[in-house]
N, C-alpha and C. Protein backbone atom coordinates (compact mmCIF):
# COMPACT_ATOMS: atom_id res chain seq x y z
N MET A 1 6.82 5.17 16.36
CA MET A 1 6.07 4.90 15.67
C MET A 1 4.32 5.51 16.00
N GLN A 2 4.61 6.84 15.32
CA GLN A 2 3.12 7.07 15.85
C GLN A 2 1.86 6.32 15.66
N TYR A 3 1.10 6.45 16.74
CA TYR A 3 -0.68 5.54 17.39
C TYR A 3 -0.87 5.70 15.92
N GLN A 4 -1.49 6.94 14.64
CA GLN A 4 -1.84 6.12 13.77
C GLN A 4 -1.37 5.75 12.41
N GLU A 5 0.05 5.62 12.32
CA GLU A 5 0.88 4.69 11.86
C GLU A 5 0.69 3.42 11.87
N LEU A 6 1.12 3.09 13.44
CA LEU A 6 0.47 2.03 13.81
C LEU A 6 -0.53 1.53 13.58
N ILE A 7 -1.48 1.74 13.95
CA ILE A 7 -2.98 1.53 13.37
C ILE A 7 -3.01 1.20 11.85
N ASP A 8 -2.98 2.53 11.36
CA ASP A 8 -2.49 1.60 9.80
C ASP A 8 -2.02 0.65 8.98
N GLN A 9 -0.97 0.34 9.63
CA GLN A 9 -0.34 -0.74 9.67
C GLN A 9 -0.58 -2.01 10.51
N LYS A 10 -1.38 -2.09 11.00
CA LYS A 10 -1.13 -2.94 12.13
C LYS A 10 -3.11 -3.44 11.93
N VAL A 11 -3.66 -2.59 11.49
CA VAL A 11 -5.38 -2.77 10.85
C VAL A 11 -5.01 -3.57 9.55
N HIS A 12 -4.67 -2.91 8.60
CA HIS A 12 -4.02 -3.05 7.06
C HIS A 12 -3.62 -4.00 7.08
N GLU A 13 -2.56 -4.89 7.83
CA GLU A 13 -1.86 -6.25 8.35
C GLU A 13 -3.13 -7.97 8.58
N LEU A 14 -3.23 -6.90 9.38
CA LEU A 14 -4.95 -8.18 10.08
C LEU A 14 -5.21 -8.50 8.76
N TYR A 15 -6.29 -7.32 8.14
CA TYR A 15 -7.43 -7.72 7.62
C TYR A 15 -6.59 -7.99 5.99
N TRP A 16 -6.09 -7.97 5.50
CA TRP A 16 -5.17 -8.38 4.17
C TRP A 16 -4.12 -9.89 4.66
N LYS A 17 -3.64 -9.57 6.06
CA LYS A 17 -2.67 -11.27 5.91
C LYS A 17 -3.29 -12.28 6.69
N GLU A 18 -3.67 -11.89 7.47
CA GLU A 18 -4.38 -13.24 8.70
C GLU A 18 -6.72 -13.08 8.43
N ASP A 19 -6.50 -11.77 7.40
CA ASP A 19 -8.25 -12.06 7.29
C ASP A 19 -8.99 -12.33 7.76
N VAL A 20 -8.74 -11.29 9.53
CA VAL A 20 -9.58 -11.38 10.36
C VAL A 20 -11.30 -10.47 9.89
N ASN A 21 -11.65 -10.53 11.21
CA ASN A 21 -12.98 -9.76 11.17
C ASN A 21 -12.40 -7.66 11.87
N CYS A 22 -13.96 -7.24 11.80
CA CYS A 22 -13.13 -5.71 12.31
C CYS A 22 -13.25 -5.88 14.09
N ILE A 23 -13.77 -6.98 14.37
CA ILE A 23 -13.85 -7.09 16.09
C ILE A 23 -11.86 -7.38 16.75
N THR A 24 -12.41 -8.59 15.94
CA THR A 24 -10.89 -9.07 16.24
C THR A 24 -9.70 -7.96 15.64
N ALA A 25 -9.07 -7.15 14.42
CA ALA A 25 -8.99 -6.09 14.50
C ALA A 25 -8.24 -5.58 15.12
N SER A 26 -9.46 -4.58 15.57
CA SER A 26 -10.03 -3.48 16.87
C SER A 26 -9.03 -4.47 17.85
N LEU A 27 -9.61 -5.20 18.53
CA LEU A 27 -8.74 -5.87 19.92
C LEU A 27 -7.50 -6.30 19.96
N LEU A 28 -6.61 -6.96 18.57
CA LEU A 28 -5.83 -7.37 18.68
C LEU A 28 -4.55 -5.96 18.78
N THR A 29 -5.13 -4.66 17.71
CA THR A 29 -4.61 -3.40 18.02
C THR A 29 -4.81 -2.89 18.66
N LEU A 30 -5.68 -2.38 19.56
CA LEU A 30 -6.09 -1.56 20.33
C LEU A 30 -4.82 -2.59 21.68
N SER A 31 -5.06 -3.78 21.81
CA SER A 31 -4.41 -4.81 23.45
C SER A 31 -3.02 -4.52 22.86
N GLN A 32 -2.12 -4.53 21.45
CA GLN A 32 -0.83 -4.32 21.47
C GLN A 32 -0.60 -2.92 22.06
N ILE A 33 -1.52 -2.44 21.66
CA ILE A 33 -1.04 -0.55 21.90
C ILE A 33 -1.15 -0.19 23.78
N PHE A 34 -1.97 -0.95 24.41
CA PHE A 34 -1.78 -1.15 25.99
C PHE A 34 -1.45 -1.88 26.10
N ASN A 35 -0.51 -3.13 25.79
CA ASN A 35 0.36 -4.30 26.45
C ASN A 35 -0.68 -4.70 27.37
N ILE A 36 -2.17 -5.32 26.80
CA ILE A 36 -2.84 -6.11 27.29
C ILE A 36 -2.53 -7.88 26.46
N ASN A 37 -2.49 -9.00 26.96
CA ASN A 37 -2.38 -10.06 26.68
C ASN A 37 -4.13 -10.50 26.50
N LEU A 38 -4.84 -11.04 25.51
CA LEU A 38 -5.65 -11.02 25.14
C LEU A 38 -5.85 -12.45 25.65
N TYR A 39 -6.99 -13.96 25.73
CA TYR A 39 -6.55 -15.40 25.82
C TYR A 39 -7.00 -15.99 24.37
N PHE A 40 -6.99 -16.79 23.28
CA PHE A 40 -7.49 -17.18 23.02
C PHE A 40 -9.05 -17.24 22.33
N GLN A 41 -9.61 -16.74 23.89
CA GLN A 41 -11.25 -17.37 24.12
C GLN A 41 -11.97 -16.74 23.77
N LEU A 42 -11.30 -15.50 23.88
CA LEU A 42 -12.15 -14.01 23.78
C LEU A 42 -11.86 -13.28 22.05
N LEU A 43 -11.05 -14.10 21.94
CA LEU A 43 -11.24 -13.72 19.67
C LEU A 43 -12.02 -14.62 19.65
N ASP A 44 -11.97 -15.98 20.08
CA ASP A 44 -12.83 -16.82 19.61
C ASP A 44 -14.58 -16.75 20.19
N ALA A 45 -14.49 -15.68 20.20
CA ALA A 45 -16.24 -15.56 21.25
C ALA A 45 -16.30 -14.13 20.82
N ALA A 46 -15.17 -13.19 20.36
CA ALA A 46 -15.53 -12.03 19.27
C ALA A 46 -16.29 -12.52 17.65
N THR A 47 -16.08 -14.08 17.59
CA THR A 47 -16.34 -14.32 15.61
C THR A 47 -17.77 -14.00 15.65
N GLY A 48 -18.97 -14.19 16.35
CA GLY A 48 -20.03 -13.65 15.39
C GLY A 48 -20.55 -12.16 15.90
N ILE A 49 -19.67 -11.95 16.68
CA ILE A 49 -19.94 -10.00 17.55
C ILE A 49 -20.23 -9.08 16.60
N PRO A 50 -19.54 -8.89 14.60
CA PRO A 50 -19.72 -8.10 14.40
C PRO A 50 -20.87 -8.22 13.73
N GLY A 51 -21.79 -7.14 13.77
CA GLY A 51 -23.02 -6.65 13.11
C GLY A 51 -24.40 -7.92 13.76
N ALA A 52 -23.59 -8.95 14.84
CA ALA A 52 -24.45 -10.13 15.08
C ALA A 52 -24.57 -11.02 14.45
N GLY A 53 -23.68 -11.39 13.92
CA GLY A 53 -23.55 -12.03 13.05
C GLY A 53 -24.38 -12.00 12.12
N ARG A 54 -23.47 -10.81 11.68
CA ARG A 54 -23.71 -10.07 9.89
C ARG A 54 -25.32 -10.26 9.78
N TYR A 55 -25.83 -9.63 10.67
CA TYR A 55 -27.26 -9.50 10.90
C TYR A 55 -27.57 -8.35 10.48
N GLY A 56 -26.41 -7.38 11.19
CA GLY A 56 -26.68 -5.15 10.71
C GLY A 56 -26.84 -5.24 11.92
N ALA A 57 -26.94 -6.19 12.99
CA ALA A 57 -27.07 -5.13 14.41
C ALA A 57 -25.71 -4.50 14.85
N GLN A 58 -25.40 -4.63 16.05
CA GLN A 58 -24.18 -3.70 17.15
C GLN A 58 -23.06 -3.67 16.14
N CYS A 59 -22.27 -2.69 15.52
CA CYS A 59 -20.92 -2.75 15.27
C CYS A 59 -20.12 -3.65 16.00
N GLY A 60 -19.29 -4.57 15.27
CA GLY A 60 -18.28 -5.09 16.56
C GLY A 60 -17.38 -4.48 16.55
N LEU A 61 -17.02 -2.99 16.25
CA LEU A 61 -16.43 -1.44 16.22
C LEU A 61 -17.23 -1.72 17.60
N VAL A 62 -17.70 -1.19 17.72
CA VAL A 62 -18.49 -1.23 18.82
C VAL A 62 -17.95 -2.00 20.00
N GLY A 63 -18.63 -2.70 20.03
CA GLY A 63 -18.32 -4.17 21.04
C GLY A 63 -16.82 -4.36 20.92
N SER A 64 -15.70 -4.35 20.64
CA SER A 64 -14.56 -4.00 20.38
C SER A 64 -14.36 -3.27 21.54
N ALA A 65 -14.54 -2.23 21.97
CA ALA A 65 -14.35 -1.29 22.62
C ALA A 65 -14.87 -1.10 23.81
N ILE A 66 -16.46 -1.35 24.15
CA ILE A 66 -16.57 -2.27 25.02
C ILE A 66 -15.75 -2.82 25.69
N MET A 67 -16.13 -4.43 24.92
CA MET A 67 -14.81 -5.18 25.72
C MET A 67 -13.59 -4.76 26.63
N LEU A 68 -13.04 -3.64 25.23
CA LEU A 68 -11.36 -3.37 25.97
C LEU A 68 -11.84 -2.32 27.35
N ILE A 69 -12.52 -1.51 26.87
CA ILE A 69 -13.67 -1.15 28.28
C ILE A 69 -13.44 -1.22 29.84
N GLY A 70 -14.04 -2.21 29.58
CA GLY A 70 -14.79 -3.17 30.72
C GLY A 70 -13.19 -4.09 31.21
N ILE A 71 -12.50 -4.28 30.24
CA ILE A 71 -11.08 -5.35 30.76
C ILE A 71 -10.20 -4.48 31.57
N LEU A 72 -9.80 -3.28 30.99
CA LEU A 72 -9.43 -1.71 31.29
C LEU A 72 -9.41 -1.24 32.76
N GLY A 73 -10.87 -0.86 32.99
CA GLY A 73 -11.69 -1.01 34.23
C GLY A 73 -11.37 -1.49 35.61
N LYS A 74 -11.78 -3.29 34.41
CA LYS A 74 -10.97 -3.96 36.14
C LYS A 74 -9.71 -3.73 36.35
N THR A 75 -8.62 -3.52 35.10
CA THR A 75 -7.46 -3.67 35.56
C THR A 75 -6.95 -2.42 36.21
N LYS A 76 -8.14 -1.28 36.49
CA LYS A 76 -7.90 -0.03 37.06
C LYS A 76 -8.56 0.17 38.49
N GLY A 77 -9.28 -0.81 38.59
CA GLY A 77 -10.11 -1.11 40.43
C GLY A 77 -11.49 -0.44 40.18
N LEU A 78 -11.88 -0.09 39.17
CA LEU A 78 -12.60 0.52 38.49
C LEU A 78 -14.23 -0.94 39.09
N ASP A 79 -15.20 -0.37 39.38
CA ASP A 79 -16.46 -1.59 39.55
C ASP A 79 -17.55 -1.07 38.79
N HIS A 80 -18.59 -2.10 38.43
CA HIS A 80 -19.54 -1.92 36.96
C HIS A 80 -19.93 -1.08 36.96
N GLU A 81 -20.33 -0.23 37.69
CA GLU A 81 -20.90 0.65 37.16
C GLU A 81 -20.68 1.80 36.80
N GLU A 82 -18.79 2.42 37.46
CA GLU A 82 -18.49 3.42 36.29
C GLU A 82 -18.31 2.55 35.04
N ILE A 83 -17.69 0.85 34.40
CA ILE A 83 -17.57 0.38 33.64
C ILE A 83 -18.76 0.94 32.80
N VAL A 84 -19.30 0.71 33.23
CA VAL A 84 -21.10 1.16 32.55
C VAL A 84 -20.96 1.65 32.21
N THR A 85 -20.66 3.06 33.12
CA THR A 85 -21.57 4.14 32.79
C THR A 85 -20.16 4.96 31.16
N ILE A 86 -18.73 4.35 31.78
CA ILE A 86 -17.91 4.81 30.86
C ILE A 86 -18.62 3.57 29.19
N CYS A 87 -18.89 2.51 29.24
CA CYS A 87 -19.25 2.26 28.12
C CYS A 87 -20.46 2.73 27.90
N ASN A 88 -21.50 3.17 28.51
CA ASN A 88 -22.14 4.43 28.14
C ASN A 88 -21.98 5.59 27.06
N GLU A 89 -20.97 6.20 28.11
CA GLU A 89 -20.27 7.90 27.16
C GLU A 89 -19.36 6.91 26.37
N PHE A 90 -19.18 6.68 26.06
CA PHE A 90 -18.28 5.98 25.54
C PHE A 90 -19.15 5.18 23.76
N SER A 91 -20.41 4.55 24.00
CA SER A 91 -21.29 4.63 22.80
C SER A 91 -21.43 5.64 22.73
N ARG A 92 -22.42 6.47 23.35
CA ARG A 92 -22.79 8.31 22.52
C ARG A 92 -21.83 8.45 21.35
N GLY A 93 -20.30 8.56 21.99
CA GLY A 93 -19.81 9.67 21.51
C GLY A 93 -18.83 8.76 20.10
N PHE A 94 -19.22 7.63 19.76
CA PHE A 94 -19.38 6.74 18.85
C PHE A 94 -20.13 7.07 18.21
N GLU A 95 -21.55 6.61 18.26
CA GLU A 95 -22.41 6.97 17.64
C GLU A 95 -22.36 8.26 17.51
N LYS A 96 -22.15 9.54 17.79
CA LYS A 96 -22.26 10.50 17.10
C LYS A 96 -21.10 11.13 16.57
N GLN A 97 -20.13 10.22 16.41
CA GLN A 97 -18.78 10.09 15.58
C GLN A 97 -18.96 9.92 14.37
N PHE A 98 -19.85 8.52 14.34
CA PHE A 98 -19.69 7.58 13.28
C PHE A 98 -21.46 7.83 12.13
N GLY A 99 -22.14 8.22 13.26
CA GLY A 99 -23.44 8.08 13.03
C GLY A 99 -24.69 7.42 13.15
N SER A 100 -24.54 5.96 13.95
CA SER A 100 -25.09 4.85 14.24
C SER A 100 -23.79 4.38 15.14
N LEU A 101 -24.38 3.08 16.01
CA LEU A 101 -23.89 1.77 16.61
C LEU A 101 -24.47 0.74 15.39
N ASN A 102 -24.58 0.78 14.20
CA ASN A 102 -25.50 -0.24 14.24
C ASN A 102 -24.95 -0.89 12.45
N CYS A 103 -24.60 -1.80 12.14
CA CYS A 103 -23.32 -2.37 11.00
C CYS A 103 -23.81 -2.05 9.64
N ARG A 104 -25.75 -1.93 10.32
CA ARG A 104 -26.55 -2.03 9.22
C ARG A 104 -26.35 -0.43 8.09
N ASP A 105 -26.30 -0.03 10.04
CA ASP A 105 -26.39 1.95 9.23
C ASP A 105 -24.49 2.22 8.93
N LEU A 106 -23.68 1.29 9.16
CA LEU A 106 -22.54 1.83 9.37
C LEU A 106 -21.93 1.04 7.59
N ARG A 107 -22.31 -0.24 7.39
CA ARG A 107 -22.20 -0.79 6.13
C ARG A 107 -23.50 -1.38 5.86
N PRO A 108 -24.25 -0.50 5.05
CA PRO A 108 -25.59 -0.37 4.10
C PRO A 108 -25.51 -0.99 2.98
N GLN A 109 -24.06 -2.11 2.87
CA GLN A 109 -24.36 -2.78 1.51
C GLN A 109 -24.54 -4.65 2.25
N GLY A 110 -24.20 -4.60 3.61
CA GLY A 110 -24.37 -5.30 4.04
C GLY A 110 -23.11 -6.17 3.68
N PHE A 111 -23.56 -7.57 4.08
CA PHE A 111 -22.59 -8.89 3.98
C PHE A 111 -22.83 -9.90 2.48
N HIS A 112 -22.49 -9.30 0.94
CA HIS A 112 -22.81 -10.02 -0.23
C HIS A 112 -20.96 -10.62 -0.46
N PRO A 113 -21.35 -11.85 -0.96
CA PRO A 113 -20.04 -12.70 -0.97
C PRO A 113 -19.62 -10.93 -2.64
N ASN A 114 -20.02 -10.86 -3.09
CA ASN A 114 -19.51 -10.18 -4.59
C ASN A 114 -19.33 -8.42 -4.49
N ASN A 115 -19.12 -8.42 -2.14
CA ASN A 115 -18.61 -7.39 -1.62
C ASN A 115 -17.57 -7.56 -1.79
N PRO A 116 -16.27 -6.09 -1.74
CA PRO A 116 -15.14 -5.94 -1.98
C PRO A 116 -14.22 -6.32 -0.79
N PRO A 117 -13.04 -7.60 -0.47
CA PRO A 117 -12.90 -7.39 1.05
C PRO A 117 -12.28 -6.71 1.91
N HIS A 118 -12.96 -6.56 2.80
CA HIS A 118 -12.46 -5.53 4.23
C HIS A 118 -13.19 -4.74 4.23
N LEU A 119 -13.87 -4.66 3.89
CA LEU A 119 -14.97 -3.00 3.54
C LEU A 119 -15.21 -2.07 4.85
N CYS A 120 -14.66 -3.11 5.49
CA CYS A 120 -14.57 -1.48 6.91
C CYS A 120 -13.40 -1.21 7.13
N GLU A 121 -12.11 -1.31 6.42
CA GLU A 121 -11.05 -1.04 6.87
C GLU A 121 -10.91 0.57 7.39
N LYS A 122 -11.29 0.69 6.21
CA LYS A 122 -11.00 3.07 6.66
C LYS A 122 -11.64 2.71 7.99
N LEU A 123 -13.02 2.46 8.14
CA LEU A 123 -13.86 2.71 9.62
C LEU A 123 -12.98 1.70 10.78
N THR A 124 -12.41 0.79 10.37
CA THR A 124 -11.93 0.19 11.60
C THR A 124 -10.76 1.01 11.68
N LYS A 125 -10.01 1.43 11.20
CA LYS A 125 -8.86 2.19 11.88
C LYS A 125 -9.32 3.68 12.45
N GLU A 126 -10.43 4.38 11.76
CA GLU A 126 -10.87 5.69 12.31
C GLU A 126 -11.40 5.28 14.08
N ALA A 127 -12.01 3.59 14.27
CA ALA A 127 -12.45 3.78 15.19
C ALA A 127 -12.05 3.08 16.21
N VAL A 128 -11.16 2.72 15.76
CA VAL A 128 -9.41 1.92 16.67
C VAL A 128 -8.96 3.50 17.74
N LEU A 129 -9.25 4.54 16.40
CA LEU A 129 -8.22 6.04 16.83
C LEU A 129 -8.96 6.50 17.75
N LEU A 130 -10.34 6.64 16.99
CA LEU A 130 -11.68 7.13 18.59
C LEU A 130 -11.45 5.85 19.88
N THR A 131 -11.27 5.07 19.92
CA THR A 131 -11.28 4.42 20.66
C THR A 131 -9.71 4.71 21.70
N LEU A 132 -8.24 5.26 21.43
CA LEU A 132 -7.86 5.19 21.57
C LEU A 132 -7.74 6.14 22.73
N ASN A 133 -8.35 7.52 21.51
CA ASN A 133 -8.13 8.91 22.15
C ASN A 133 -9.08 9.11 22.75
N TYR A 134 -10.26 8.08 23.14
CA TYR A 134 -11.12 8.16 24.25
C TYR A 134 -10.55 7.57 25.57
N LEU A 135 -10.10 6.60 25.46
CA LEU A 135 -9.21 6.18 27.03
C LEU A 135 -8.41 6.41 27.17
N ASN A 136 -7.40 7.12 26.09
CA ASN A 136 -6.28 8.00 26.38
C ASN A 136 -6.57 9.49 26.97
N MET A 137 -7.64 9.58 27.56
CA MET A 137 -8.50 10.91 27.70
C MET A 137 -8.89 10.57 28.53
N GLY A 138 -9.69 9.60 29.39
CA GLY A 138 -10.00 8.82 30.28
C GLY A 138 -8.73 9.23 31.35
N ASP A 139 -7.94 8.81 30.88
CA ASP A 139 -6.54 8.86 32.11
C ASP A 139 -6.14 10.18 32.51
N LYS A 140 -6.48 11.04 31.87
CA LYS A 140 -6.42 12.41 31.98
C LYS A 140 -6.60 12.62 33.16
N LYS A 141 -7.79 12.06 33.32
CA LYS A 141 -9.10 12.78 33.96
C LYS A 141 -8.86 12.92 35.46
């Protein structure tokens, strides 16, 4: 199965069958691709990250990528500063691709009960693919 197909299928399933948020869908999809076991505490900690508790601040999709960069960076023996630099570069690329790092810009309608469910599914799929491409590109350096 190609990555785009896997991402589309996994993100859709996580949103509509498991009813998870964007960061959880992203983390679980990427962890499957990279064969990483995530501990439940990490997923529990991610609960309030999307939009900083729906405040509209940093997007959970950025947060999930940065968390994964930290996990993969440590497994590859990178030091703190190298990981911080990679996170910075990724964040710049995310902002260039999507126009912002903030949930309030990426999801301008906010979080309202009358919004359709899983409003960020398409964005999640695109962000997971961007993260995957970024991390795979880093392996080729």
